[in-house]
C-alpha atoms as a PDB file:
ATOM      1  CA  MET A   1     -11.227  -4.258  16.682  1.00  0.00           C
ATOM      2  CA  ALA A   2      -7.687  -4.404  16.003  1.00  0.00           C
ATOM      3  CA  GLU A   3      -5.386  -3.277  18.527  1.00  0.00           C
ATOM      4  CA  ASP A   4      -4.200   0.219  18.048  1.00  0.00           C
ATOM      5  CA  ASP A   5      -0.266   0.647  16.939  1.00  0.00           C
ATOM      6  CA  PRO A   6       1.162   3.867  15.742  1.00  0.00           C
ATOM      7  CA  ARG A   7       3.571   2.099  13.436  1.00  0.00           C
ATOM      8  CA  THR A   8       1.014   0.005  11.673  1.00  0.00           C
ATOM      9  CA  LEU A   9      -2.551   0.476  12.066  1.00  0.00           C
ATOM     10  CA  VAL A  10      -4.753   2.819  14.032  1.00  0.00           C
ATOM     11  CA  SER A  11      -8.840   3.135  14.981  1.00  0.00           C
ATOM     12  CA  THR A  12     -11.007   5.740  14.285  1.00  0.00           C
ATOM     13  CA  GLU A  13     -11.240   6.294  17.357  1.00  0.00           C
ATOM     14  CA  TRP A  14      -7.552   6.796  17.850  1.00  0.00           C
ATOM     15  CA  LEU A  15      -7.262   9.362  15.529  1.00  0.00           C
ATOM     16  CA  HIS A  16     -10.392  11.152  16.964  1.00  0.00           C
ATOM     17  CA  ARG A  17      -8.278  10.940  20.443  1.00  0.00           C
ATOM     18  CA  HIS A  18      -5.282  12.457  18.954  1.00  0.00           C
ATOM     19  CA  LEU A  19      -6.266  14.555  16.062  1.00  0.00           C
ATOM     20  CA  LYS A  20      -5.228  18.134  18.174  1.00  0.00           C
ATOM     21  CA  ASP A  21      -1.765  16.466  18.907  1.00  0.00           C
ATOM     22  CA  PRO A  22       0.498  19.181  17.858  1.00  0.00           C
ATOM     23  CA  ASP A  23       2.893  16.843  15.742  1.00  0.00           C
ATOM     24  CA  LEU A  24       0.364  14.859  14.131  1.00  0.00           C
ATOM     25  CA  ARG A  25       0.273  14.692  10.808  1.00  0.00           C
ATOM     26  CA  VAL A  26      -3.185  12.900   8.753  1.00  0.00           C
ATOM     27  CA  LEU A  27      -2.457  12.323   4.857  1.00  0.00           C
ATOM     28  CA  ASP A  28      -5.501  11.103   2.556  1.00  0.00           C
ATOM     29  CA  ALA A  29      -3.679   8.722  -0.012  1.00  0.00           C
ATOM     30  CA  SER A  30      -6.685   8.044  -1.846  1.00  0.00           C
ATOM     31  CA  TRP A  31      -6.379   6.645  -5.380  1.00  0.00           C
ATOM     32  CA  TYR A  32      -8.380   4.581  -7.579  1.00  0.00           C
ATOM     33  CA  LEU A  33      -8.039   2.879 -10.708  1.00  0.00           C
ATOM     34  CA  PRO A  34      -9.513   4.210 -13.721  1.00  0.00           C
ATOM     35  CA  ASP A  35     -12.838   2.537 -14.056  1.00  0.00           C
ATOM     36  CA  ALA A  36     -13.877   3.100 -10.623  1.00  0.00           C
ATOM     37  CA  GLY A  37     -14.827   6.728 -11.990  1.00  0.00           C
ATOM     38  CA  ARG A  38     -13.900   8.810  -8.676  1.00  0.00           C
ATOM     39  CA  ASP A  39     -11.924  11.664  -8.261  1.00  0.00           C
ATOM     40  CA  PRO A  40      -9.822  11.875  -5.207  1.00  0.00           C
ATOM     41  CA  LYS A  41      -8.794  15.226  -5.330  1.00  0.00           C
ATOM     42  CA  ALA A  42     -12.065  16.596  -5.780  1.00  0.00           C
ATOM     43  CA  GLU A  43     -13.286  14.488  -2.885  1.00  0.00           C
ATOM     44  CA  TYR A  44     -10.769  15.471  -0.731  1.00  0.00           C
ATOM     45  CA  ALA A  45     -11.569  19.538  -1.564  1.00  0.00           C
ATOM     46  CA  GLU A  46     -14.880  18.401  -0.890  1.00  0.00           C
ATOM     47  CA  ALA A  47     -14.464  16.951   2.775  1.00  0.00           C
ATOM     48  CA  HIS A  48     -11.625  15.376   4.635  1.00  0.00           C
ATOM     49  CA  VAL A  49     -10.396  14.708   8.251  1.00  0.00           C
ATOM     50  CA  PRO A  50      -9.227  18.037   9.527  1.00  0.00           C
ATOM     51  CA  GLY A  51      -6.025  18.837   9.273  1.00  0.00           C
ATOM     52  CA  ALA A  52      -5.318  16.296   6.425  1.00  0.00           C
ATOM     53  CA  ARG A  53      -2.815  17.250   3.518  1.00  0.00           C
ATOM     54  CA  PHE A  54      -3.529  15.466   0.272  1.00  0.00           C
ATOM     55  CA  PHE A  55      -0.910  12.860  -0.600  1.00  0.00           C
ATOM     56  CA  ASP A  56      -0.889  12.400  -4.023  1.00  0.00           C
ATOM     57  CA  ILE A  57       0.369   9.075  -5.365  1.00  0.00           C
ATOM     58  CA  ASP A  58       0.693   9.389  -8.986  1.00  0.00           C
ATOM     59  CA  ASP A  59       2.641  12.972  -8.158  1.00  0.00           C
ATOM     60  CA  VAL A  60       4.845  11.761  -5.225  1.00  0.00           C
ATOM     61  CA  SER A  61       6.547   9.052  -7.857  1.00  0.00           C
ATOM     62  CA  ASP A  62       9.769   8.429 -10.164  1.00  0.00           C
ATOM     63  CA  ALA A  63       9.018  10.649 -13.134  1.00  0.00           C
ATOM     64  CA  ARG A  64      11.764   8.944 -14.691  1.00  0.00           C
ATOM     65  CA  SER A  65       9.662   5.419 -15.466  1.00  0.00           C
ATOM     66  CA  GLU A  66       7.324   4.804 -17.739  1.00  0.00           C
ATOM     67  CA  LEU A  67       5.663   2.643 -15.130  1.00  0.00           C
ATOM     68  CA  PRO A  68       2.681   3.626 -13.185  1.00  0.00           C
ATOM     69  CA  HIS A  69       3.661   5.650  -9.556  1.00  0.00           C
ATOM     70  CA  MET A  70       7.188   3.897  -8.806  1.00  0.00           C
ATOM     71  CA  ALA A  71       8.651   5.128  -5.457  1.00  0.00           C
ATOM     72  CA  PRO A  72      10.046   8.312  -6.127  1.00  0.00           C
ATOM     73  CA  PRO A  73      14.062   8.831  -5.381  1.00  0.00           C
ATOM     74  CA  PRO A  74      14.827  10.036  -1.848  1.00  0.00           C
ATOM     75  CA  GLU A  75      15.257  13.444  -2.888  1.00  0.00           C
ATOM     76  CA  LYS A  76      11.870  14.215  -4.327  1.00  0.00           C
ATOM     77  CA  PHE A  77      10.232  12.441  -1.507  1.00  0.00           C
ATOM     78  CA  MET A  78      11.604  15.347   0.805  1.00  0.00           C
ATOM     79  CA  SER A  79      10.904  17.689  -1.213  1.00  0.00           C
ATOM     80  CA  ARG A  80       7.098  17.106  -1.195  1.00  0.00           C
ATOM     81  CA  MET A  81       7.220  16.104   2.231  1.00  0.00           C
ATOM     82  CA  ARG A  82       8.698  19.244   2.968  1.00  0.00           C
ATOM     83  CA  GLN A  83       6.280  21.367   1.057  1.00  0.00           C
ATOM     84  CA  MET A  84       3.254  18.911   2.677  1.00  0.00           C
ATOM     85  CA  GLY A  85       4.724  20.175   6.039  1.00  0.00           C
ATOM     86  CA  VAL A  86       5.651  16.653   6.900  1.00  0.00           C
ATOM     87  CA  GLY A  87       9.227  15.814   8.653  1.00  0.00           C
ATOM     88  CA  ASP A  88      11.391  14.346  11.442  1.00  0.00           C
ATOM     89  CA  GLY A  89       9.077  13.698  14.680  1.00  0.00           C
ATOM     90  CA  HIS A  90       5.650  13.768  13.297  1.00  0.00           C
ATOM     91  CA  GLN A  91       3.467  10.749  13.801  1.00  0.00           C
ATOM     92  CA  VAL A  92       1.826  10.663  10.299  1.00  0.00           C
ATOM     93  CA  VAL A  93      -1.453   8.511   9.730  1.00  0.00           C
ATOM     94  CA  VAL A  94      -2.281   7.669   6.534  1.00  0.00           C
ATOM     95  CA  TYR A  95      -6.326   6.895   5.384  1.00  0.00           C
ATOM     96  CA  ASP A  96      -7.758   6.855   1.464  1.00  0.00           C
ATOM     97  CA  GLY A  97     -11.608   6.836   0.443  1.00  0.00           C
ATOM     98  CA  ALA A  98     -12.170   3.252  -0.066  1.00  0.00           C
ATOM     99  CA  GLY A  99     -11.630   1.814   3.395  1.00  0.00           C
ATOM    100  CA  LEU A 100      -8.246   0.196   3.506  1.00  0.00           C
ATOM    101  CA  PHE A 101      -6.855   0.135  -0.152  1.00  0.00           C
ATOM    102  CA  SER A 102      -3.914   2.958  -1.500  1.00  0.00           C
ATOM    103  CA  ALA A 103      -3.363   4.054   1.987  1.00  0.00           C
ATOM    104  CA  ALA A 104      -0.802   1.279   2.456  1.00  0.00           C
ATOM    105  CA  ARG A 105       1.199   1.971  -0.234  1.00  0.00           C
ATOM    106  CA  VAL A 106       1.878   5.305   1.329  1.00  0.00           C
ATOM    107  CA  TRP A 107       2.541   3.638   4.728  1.00  0.00           C
ATOM    108  CA  TRP A 108       5.120   1.211   2.785  1.00  0.00           C
ATOM    109  CA  LEU A 109       6.576   4.396   0.845  1.00  0.00           C
ATOM    110  CA  PHE A 110       7.339   6.149   4.042  1.00  0.00           C
ATOM    111  CA  ARG A 111       9.015   2.795   5.843  1.00  0.00           C
ATOM    112  CA  LEU A 112      11.145   2.531   2.455  1.00  0.00           C
ATOM    113  CA  MET A 113      11.938   6.309   3.322  1.00  0.00           C
ATOM    114  CA  GLY A 114      13.046   5.262   6.756  1.00  0.00           C
ATOM    115  CA  GLN A 115      10.429   6.733   8.452  1.00  0.00           C
ATOM    116  CA  MET A 116       8.876   4.607  10.877  1.00  0.00           C
ATOM    117  CA  ASP A 117       6.198   6.440  13.077  1.00  0.00           C
ATOM    118  CA  VAL A 118       3.263   6.502  10.122  1.00  0.00           C
ATOM    119  CA  ALA A 119       0.241   4.265  10.582  1.00  0.00           C
ATOM    120  CA  VAL A 120      -2.850   3.688   8.648  1.00  0.00           C
ATOM    121  CA  LEU A 121      -6.364   4.611   9.258  1.00  0.00           C
ATOM    122  CA  ASP A 122      -8.219   1.172   9.830  1.00  0.00           C
ATOM    123  CA  GLY A 123     -11.734   1.258   7.802  1.00  0.00           C
ATOM    124  CA  GLY A 124     -10.370   4.887   6.464  1.00  0.00           C
ATOM    125  CA  PHE A 125     -12.936   7.824   5.528  1.00  0.00           C
ATOM    126  CA  PRO A 126     -15.719   5.853   5.205  1.00  0.00           C
ATOM    127  CA  LYS A 127     -15.514   4.747   8.736  1.00  0.00           C
ATOM    128  CA  TRP A 128     -14.744   7.919   9.750  1.00  0.00           C
ATOM    129  CA  ARG A 129     -17.677   9.367   8.209  1.00  0.00           C
ATOM    130  CA  ALA A 130     -19.878   6.277   9.007  1.00  0.00           C
ATOM    131  CA  GLU A 131     -19.246   7.317  12.534  1.00  0.00           C
ATOM    132  CA  GLU A 132     -19.969  10.777  12.093  1.00  0.00           C
ATOM    133  CA  ARG A 133     -16.697  12.297  13.096  1.00  0.00           C
ATOM    134  CA  PRO A 134     -15.583  16.099  12.019  1.00  0.00           C
ATOM    135  CA  VAL A 135     -14.624  16.968   8.639  1.00  0.00           C
ATOM    136  CA  GLU A 136     -13.428  20.095   7.005  1.00  0.00           C
ATOM    137  CA  ASP A 137     -13.250  21.229   3.339  1.00  0.00           C
ATOM    138  CA  LEU A 138     -10.327  23.685   4.065  1.00  0.00           C
ATOM    139  CA  PRO A 139      -6.637  23.116   3.280  1.00  0.00           C
ATOM    140  CA  PRO A 140      -4.578  23.068   6.064  1.00  0.00           C
ATOM    141  CA  VAL A 141      -1.893  25.853   6.754  1.00  0.00           C
ATOM    142  CA  VAL A 142       1.530  24.069   5.875  1.00  0.00           C
ATOM    143  CA  ARG A 143       4.853  25.140   7.546  1.00  0.00           C
ATOM    144  CA  ASP A 144       7.943  23.552   6.020  1.00  0.00           C
ATOM    145  CA  ARG A 145       9.454  20.610   8.306  1.00  0.00           C
ATOM    146  CA  HIS A 146      12.805  18.829   7.414  1.00  0.00           C
ATOM    147  CA  MET A 147      12.728  15.488   6.755  1.00  0.00           C
ATOM    148  CA  THR A 148      15.493  13.019   7.226  1.00  0.00           C
ATOM    149  CA  VAL A 149      15.369  10.324   4.592  1.00  0.00           C
ATOM    150  CA  ARG A 150      17.428   6.846   4.862  1.00  0.00           C
ATOM    151  CA  ARG A 151      16.045   4.617   1.966  1.00  0.00           C
ATOM    152  CA  GLN A 152      15.793   0.851   3.106  1.00  0.00           C
ATOM    153  CA  ALA A 153      16.828  -0.693  -0.187  1.00  0.00           C
ATOM    154  CA  HIS A 154      15.882  -4.114   1.391  1.00  0.00           C
ATOM    155  CA  MET A 155      12.086  -3.374   1.176  1.00  0.00           C
ATOM    156  CA  VAL A 156      11.957  -2.919  -2.465  1.00  0.00           C
ATOM    157  CA  ARG A 157      12.362  -5.712  -5.500  1.00  0.00           C
ATOM    158  CA  ASP A 158      12.937  -5.216  -8.984  1.00  0.00           C
ATOM    159  CA  VAL A 159      12.097  -7.682 -11.732  1.00  0.00           C
ATOM    160  CA  THR A 160      15.152  -9.164 -11.628  1.00  0.00           C
ATOM    161  CA  GLN A 161      15.316  -9.720  -8.058  1.00  0.00           C
ATOM    162  CA  VAL A 162      11.947 -11.467  -8.471  1.00  0.00           C
ATOM    163  CA  SER A 163      13.035 -13.576 -11.211  1.00  0.00           C
ATOM    164  CA  ALA A 164      16.065 -14.774  -9.354  1.00  0.00           C
ATOM    165  CA  ALA A 165      13.751 -15.294  -6.390  1.00  0.00           C
ATOM    166  CA  THR A 166      11.195 -17.678  -7.974  1.00  0.00           C
ATOM    167  CA  LYS A 167      13.805 -19.583  -9.438  1.00  0.00           C
ATOM    168  CA  LEU A 168      15.800 -20.148  -6.431  1.00  0.00           C
ATOM    169  CA  GLY A 169      12.545 -20.871  -4.429  1.00  0.00           C
ATOM    170  CA  ASP A 170      14.088 -18.850  -1.271  1.00  0.00           C
ATOM    171  CA  HIS A 171      11.206 -16.535  -1.184  1.00  0.00           C
ATOM    172  CA  GLU A 172       7.407 -16.405  -1.102  1.00  0.00           C
ATOM    173  CA  VAL A 173       5.748 -14.371  -3.619  1.00  0.00           C
ATOM    174  CA  VAL A 174       2.497 -13.055  -2.792  1.00  0.00           C
ATOM    175  CA  ASP A 175       0.146 -11.575  -5.389  1.00  0.00           C
ATOM    176  CA  ALA A 176      -2.693  -9.268  -3.846  1.00  0.00           C
ATOM    177  CA  ARG A 177      -4.565  -9.370  -7.201  1.00  0.00           C
ATOM    178  CA  SER A 178      -8.283 -10.692  -7.596  1.00  0.00           C
ATOM    179  CA  PRO A 179      -7.958 -14.820  -8.098  1.00  0.00           C
ATOM    180  CA  SER A 180      -9.756 -14.417 -11.676  1.00  0.00           C
ATOM    181  CA  ARG A 181      -6.492 -12.037 -12.580  1.00  0.00           C
ATOM    182  CA  PHE A 182      -4.198 -14.144 -10.740  1.00  0.00           C
ATOM    183  CA  CYS A 183      -5.484 -17.354 -13.105  1.00  0.00           C
ATOM    184  CA  GLY A 184      -5.624 -15.559 -16.186  1.00  0.00           C
ATOM    185  CA  ASP A 185      -9.325 -16.006 -16.438  1.00  0.00           C
ATOM    186  CA  ASP A 186      -9.982 -12.098 -16.395  1.00  0.00           C
ATOM    187  CA  PRO A 187      -8.035  -9.516 -18.795  1.00  0.00           C
ATOM    188  CA  GLU A 188      -5.911  -7.020 -16.874  1.00  0.00           C
ATOM    189  CA  PRO A 189      -7.347  -3.360 -16.617  1.00  0.00           C
ATOM    190  CA  ARG A 190      -4.117  -1.938 -18.320  1.00  0.00           C
ATOM    191  CA  PRO A 191      -3.485  -2.446 -21.974  1.00  0.00           C
ATOM    192  CA  GLY A 192      -0.510  -4.447 -23.531  1.00  0.00           C
ATOM    193  CA  LEU A 193      -0.206  -6.814 -20.509  1.00  0.00           C
ATOM    194  CA  ARG A 194      -0.206 -10.499 -21.056  1.00  0.00           C
ATOM    195  CA  ALA A 195      -2.770 -12.473 -18.197  1.00  0.00           C
ATOM    196  CA  GLY A 196      -1.745 -14.623 -15.548  1.00  0.00           C
ATOM    197  CA  HIS A 197       0.909 -14.786 -12.732  1.00  0.00           C
ATOM    198  CA  ILE A 198       4.570 -15.067 -11.728  1.00  0.00           C
ATOM    199  CA  PRO A 199       5.154 -19.032 -11.805  1.00  0.00           C
ATOM    200  CA  GLY A 200       5.566 -20.013  -8.211  1.00  0.00           C
ATOM    201  CA  SER A 201       3.515 -17.041  -6.950  1.00  0.00           C
ATOM    202  CA  LYS A 202       0.664 -17.767  -4.437  1.00  0.00           C
ATOM    203  CA  ASN A 203      -2.349 -15.629  -4.278  1.00  0.00           C
ATOM    204  CA  VAL A 204      -3.699 -13.735  -1.521  1.00  0.00           C
ATOM    205  CA  HIS A 205      -6.348 -11.315  -2.659  1.00  0.00           C
ATOM    206  CA  TYR A 206      -6.120  -7.697  -0.541  1.00  0.00           C
ATOM    207  CA  ALA A 207     -10.179  -8.097  -0.062  1.00  0.00           C
ATOM    208  CA  THR A 208      -9.556 -11.578   1.846  1.00  0.00           C
ATOM    209  CA  LEU A 209      -7.310  -9.327   4.940  1.00  0.00           C
ATOM    210  CA  LEU A 210     -10.125  -7.178   5.154  1.00  0.00           C
ATOM    211  CA  THR A 211     -13.796  -7.333   7.476  1.00  0.00           C
ATOM    212  CA  GLU A 212     -17.132  -6.325   6.045  1.00  0.00           C
ATOM    213  CA  ASP A 213     -16.756  -2.994   7.102  1.00  0.00           C
ATOM    214  CA  GLY A 214     -13.303  -2.589   5.436  1.00  0.00           C
ATOM    215  CA  THR A 215     -10.823  -2.658   8.593  1.00  0.00           C
ATOM    216  CA  MET A 216      -8.083  -4.988   8.738  1.00  0.00           C
ATOM    217  CA  LYS A 217      -8.664  -8.373  10.261  1.00  0.00           C
ATOM    218  CA  ALA A 218      -6.875  -9.744  13.704  1.00  0.00           C
ATOM    219  CA  PRO A 219      -3.750 -10.816  13.405  1.00  0.00           C
ATOM    220  CA  GLU A 220      -4.612 -14.542  14.146  1.00  0.00           C
ATOM    221  CA  ASP A 221      -7.033 -14.399  11.345  1.00  0.00           C
ATOM    222  CA  LEU A 222      -4.445 -12.692   8.637  1.00  0.00           C
ATOM    223  CA  ALA A 223      -1.924 -15.437   9.121  1.00  0.00           C
ATOM    224  CA  ARG A 224      -4.789 -18.004   8.756  1.00  0.00           C
ATOM    225  CA  VAL A 225      -5.719 -16.286   5.426  1.00  0.00           C
ATOM    226  CA  PHE A 226      -1.967 -16.485   4.705  1.00  0.00           C
ATOM    227  CA  GLU A 227      -1.678 -20.413   5.798  1.00  0.00           C
ATOM    228  CA  GLU A 228      -4.380 -21.075   3.855  1.00  0.00           C
ATOM    229  CA  ALA A 229      -2.841 -19.620   0.466  1.00  0.00           C
ATOM    230  CA  GLY A 230      -0.170 -22.135   1.146  1.00  0.00           C
ATOM    231  CA  VAL A 231       2.243 -19.387   1.941  1.00  0.00           C
ATOM    232  CA  ASP A 232       4.962 -20.474   3.727  1.00  0.00           C
ATOM    233  CA  LEU A 233       5.434 -17.546   6.583  1.00  0.00           C
ATOM    234  CA  GLY A 234       8.798 -18.586   7.906  1.00  0.00           C
ATOM    235  CA  LYS A 235      10.297 -17.742   4.407  1.00  0.00           C
ATOM    236  CA  PRO A 236      11.178 -13.845   3.426  1.00  0.00           C
ATOM    237  CA  VAL A 237       7.996 -12.593   1.475  1.00  0.00           C
ATOM    238  CA  ILE A 238       7.832 -10.671  -1.397  1.00  0.00           C
ATOM    239  CA  THR A 239       4.197  -8.831  -2.364  1.00  0.00           C
ATOM    240  CA  THR A 240       3.101  -7.940  -5.676  1.00  0.00           C
ATOM    241  CA  CYS A 241       0.007  -6.791  -7.224  1.00  0.00           C
ATOM    242  CA  GLY A 242      -1.070  -5.041 -10.197  1.00  0.00           C
ATOM    243  CA  SER A 243       0.991  -1.726 -10.077  1.00  0.00           C
ATOM    244  CA  GLY A 244       2.562  -2.162  -6.251  1.00  0.00           C
ATOM    245  CA  VAL A 245      -0.756  -0.732  -4.378  1.00  0.00           C
ATOM    246  CA  THR A 246      -2.858  -3.620  -2.639  1.00  0.00           C
ATOM    247  CA  ALA A 247       0.685  -5.275  -2.763  1.00  0.00           C
ATOM    248  CA  ALA A 248       1.385  -3.292   0.360  1.00  0.00           C
ATOM    249  CA  ILE A 249      -1.744  -4.212   1.707  1.00  0.00           C
ATOM    250  CA  LEU A 250      -0.192  -7.658   2.086  1.00  0.00           C
ATOM    251  CA  SER A 251       2.796  -5.930   3.653  1.00  0.00           C
ATOM    252  CA  LEU A 252       0.994  -3.993   6.450  1.00  0.00           C
ATOM    253  CA  ALA A 253      -0.744  -7.381   7.117  1.00  0.00           C
ATOM    254  CA  LEU A 254       2.311  -9.143   7.605  1.00  0.00           C
ATOM    255  CA  GLU A 255       3.818  -6.534   9.702  1.00  0.00           C
ATOM    256  CA  ARG A 256       0.661  -6.804  11.867  1.00  0.00           C
ATOM    257  CA  ILE A 257       1.349 -10.473  12.399  1.00  0.00           C
ATOM    258  CA  GLY A 258       5.141 -10.312  13.469  1.00  0.00           C
ATOM    259  CA  ARG A 259       6.688 -10.487  10.231  1.00  0.00           C
ATOM    260  CA  THR A 260       9.113  -7.871   9.179  1.00  0.00           C
ATOM    261  CA  ASP A 261      11.272  -9.886   6.710  1.00  0.00           C
ATOM    262  CA  HIS A 262       8.955  -8.661   3.804  1.00  0.00           C
ATOM    263  CA  SER A 263       9.736  -6.480   0.659  1.00  0.00           C
ATOM    264  CA  LEU A 264       7.402  -5.254  -2.704  1.00  0.00           C
ATOM    265  CA  TYR A 265       7.846  -5.684  -6.123  1.00  0.00           C
ATOM    266  CA  ASP A 266       7.423  -2.131  -7.099  1.00  0.00           C
ATOM    267  CA  GLY A 267       6.948  -2.601 -10.868  1.00  0.00           C
ATOM    268  CA  SER A 268       4.876  -5.483 -10.343  1.00  0.00           C
ATOM    269  CA  TRP A 269       2.089  -7.166 -12.619  1.00  0.00           C
ATOM    270  CA  SER A 270       2.385  -3.872 -14.585  1.00  0.00           C
ATOM    271  CA  GLU A 271       6.233  -4.231 -15.530  1.00  0.00           C
ATOM    272  CA  TRP A 272       6.311  -8.549 -15.351  1.00  0.00           C
ATOM    273  CA  GLY A 273       3.100  -8.765 -17.607  1.00  0.00           C
ATOM    274  CA  ALA A 274       4.523  -6.590 -20.218  1.00  0.00           C
ATOM    275  CA  SER A 275       8.171  -7.883 -20.185  1.00  0.00           C
ATOM    276  CA  PRO A 276       8.416 -10.668 -23.128  1.00  0.00           C
ATOM    277  CA  THR A 277      11.588 -12.372 -21.419  1.00  0.00           C
ATOM    278  CA  VAL A 278      10.389 -13.434 -18.354  1.00  0.00           C
ATOM    279  CA  PRO A 279       7.813 -16.533 -17.873  1.00  0.00           C
ATOM    280  CA  VAL A 280       4.025 -16.489 -16.953  1.00  0.00           C
ATOM    281  CA  ALA A 281       1.782 -18.818 -15.549  1.00  0.00           C
ATOM    282  CA  THR A 282      -2.104 -19.292 -15.818  1.00  0.00           C
ATOM    283  CA  ALA A 283      -4.572 -21.416 -14.185  1.00  0.00           C
ATOM    284  CA  THR A 284      -3.893 -23.901 -16.952  1.00  0.00           C
ATOM    285  CA  SER A 285      -0.500 -24.009 -17.069  1.00  0.00           C
ATOM    286  CA  ARG A 286       1.779 -25.602 -14.438  1.00  0.00           C
ATOM    287  CA  ASP A 287       4.246 -23.524 -12.154  1.00  0.00           C
END
């Protein structure tokens, strides 16, 4: 079992032990691709970890962008967190209903906003339920709490920065999508996007970082997955995926193995695959 670290990953046992801590805030950040046929808000209303608030990834985002759930401006993040009663001095634990899927995105978002005391629940709600730990269907009592936000600009990258990094070769760009999408064999789930990947990028499907029960592999095994994919961990890493959600699982894994020099390409393939001005590589083309 992975070692508990309140800044990266904690076990269900850890969360159960700390559930009544006055400064603990639990967030249900469940989010699914449209083809999953799941309603995260309805599932939250039916059952959630006691005291958990629902974190809506699509709502706590930049409404000015046409791209899906881009990181919100700091003012909007602060405002939404105040409404949820999450602020300075809180230890935050984020989980999701898939196991370890969208929760890492919210972990990354908190860190982007300068909040470090945040962890993902290893194995998420499926593991919590499988162990018959307590759940409730009541909304929590929320009291306003101020949050100080200091946006960490180095943690996020845009299309221009990623394009420059691929030309210079001074970063590793690592894609969390499935091998078939990365190679361009399968069509993208979002309409209008070209198939393939960012030239020069490496493929580490997020699922390869997880064990059969949906928990994250041990640090030494995580490092091996990156190395076997040809990732030079001596370089800074830019993580990417379809829309910036599963890329954060790679970011979390990098943090677990002590690699802190990483950033996330927020637009990810939703932006790159739609842009006619940037090149696309496939399995049959040469990077």
